[in-house]
Amino acid sequence: MVLFSQPWPAASRPRPTQIRLSCRDWTYDEQETCLLLEGDVTVTPDGGEPVRFGVDDLVVFDAGLSCTWEVHAPVRKHYRFG
């Protein structure tokens, strides 16, 4: 199965040299699809239940979603907006 025909960028949060736990609020202006290559996070939508995900999970965040990311282990992911 092919998800995307063009390469998608990779991002690291936090950077590998900054091994630390973090927590941040985030609002998605547009839809994001991401595939976690490394890491462990819990995302809690405002007013919703927390969802934990990690390596090999494919996650779609809808435009307009406001949430809190709690990073348990450094994250590296492929992502695509739109």
Protein backbone atom coordinates (compact mmCIF):
# COMPACT_ATOMS: atom_id res chain seq x y z
CA MET A 1 0.00 0.00 0.00
CA VAL A 2 1.32 3.47 -0.88
CA LEU A 3 0.35 6.32 1.42
CA PHE A 4 2.19 9.10 -0.37
CA SER A 5 3.87 9.13 -3.75
CA GLN A 6 6.41 11.80 -2.80
CA PRO A 7 8.95 11.67 0.04
CA TRP A 8 7.78 13.30 3.23
CA PRO A 9 10.00 15.18 5.63
CA ALA A 10 11.25 13.88 8.95
CA ALA A 11 11.34 15.85 12.18
CA SER A 12 12.81 15.27 15.62
CA ARG A 13 11.21 16.54 18.82
CA PRO A 14 13.27 17.11 20.89
CA ARG A 15 16.51 16.95 18.93
CA PRO A 16 18.48 13.77 19.61
CA THR A 17 21.17 15.71 21.47
CA GLN A 18 18.51 17.15 23.78
CA ILE A 19 17.34 14.00 25.52
CA ARG A 20 14.67 15.34 27.85
CA LEU A 21 11.02 15.08 28.68
CA SER A 22 8.77 17.88 27.51
CA CYS A 23 5.18 18.99 27.55
CA ARG A 24 3.65 21.55 25.20
CA ASP A 25 0.31 22.81 24.03
CA TRP A 26 -0.39 22.69 20.30
CA THR A 27 -3.17 23.69 17.89
CA TYR A 28 -3.26 22.29 14.35
CA ASP A 29 -4.05 24.91 11.70
CA GLU A 30 -4.26 22.14 9.10
CA GLN A 31 -4.43 18.35 9.16
CA GLU A 32 -1.17 16.53 9.94
CA THR A 33 -0.45 12.89 9.19
CA CYS A 34 2.59 11.49 10.94
CA LEU A 35 4.38 8.18 11.28
CA LEU A 36 6.47 7.83 14.42
CA LEU A 37 9.90 6.37 13.74
CA GLU A 38 11.14 6.76 17.33
CA GLY A 39 9.73 7.95 20.61
CA ASP A 40 6.80 7.71 22.97
CA VAL A 41 4.18 10.43 23.50
CA THR A 42 0.80 11.04 25.06
CA VAL A 43 -1.49 13.51 23.28
CA THR A 44 -4.47 14.85 25.22
CA PRO A 45 -7.10 16.74 23.21
CA ASP A 46 -8.58 19.73 25.06
CA GLY A 47 -11.54 18.31 26.96
CA GLY A 48 -10.74 14.76 25.82
CA GLU A 49 -9.05 11.57 26.94
CA PRO A 50 -5.26 11.06 26.57
CA VAL A 51 -3.96 8.80 23.79
CA ARG A 52 -0.48 7.27 23.97
CA PHE A 53 1.38 6.28 20.83
CA GLY A 54 4.89 5.44 19.68
CA VAL A 55 7.08 3.66 17.12
CA ASP A 56 5.30 2.57 13.92
CA ASP A 57 2.04 4.32 14.82
CA LEU A 58 0.42 6.30 11.99
CA VAL A 59 -1.59 9.18 13.45
CA VAL A 60 -3.82 11.82 11.84
CA PHE A 61 -4.46 15.10 13.67
CA ASP A 62 -7.46 17.01 12.32
CA ALA A 63 -7.29 20.72 11.50
CA GLY A 64 -8.52 22.78 14.44
CA LEU A 65 -7.46 20.22 17.07
CA SER A 66 -6.03 21.77 20.26
CA CYS A 67 -4.11 19.37 22.48
CA THR A 68 -1.19 18.86 24.82
CA TRP A 69 1.81 16.75 23.78
CA GLU A 70 3.67 15.00 26.61
CA VAL A 71 6.93 13.51 25.29
CA HIS A 72 8.10 10.48 27.29
CA ALA A 73 10.99 9.61 24.93
CA PRO A 74 12.53 11.70 22.11
CA VAL A 75 10.41 11.65 18.96
CA ARG A 76 11.47 11.29 15.34
CA LYS A 77 8.65 11.24 12.81
CA HIS A 78 7.73 11.54 9.15
CA TYR A 79 4.97 14.08 8.72
CA ARG A 80 2.79 15.71 6.11
CA PHE A 81 0.42 18.65 6.40
CA GLY A 82 -2.73 19.06 4.37
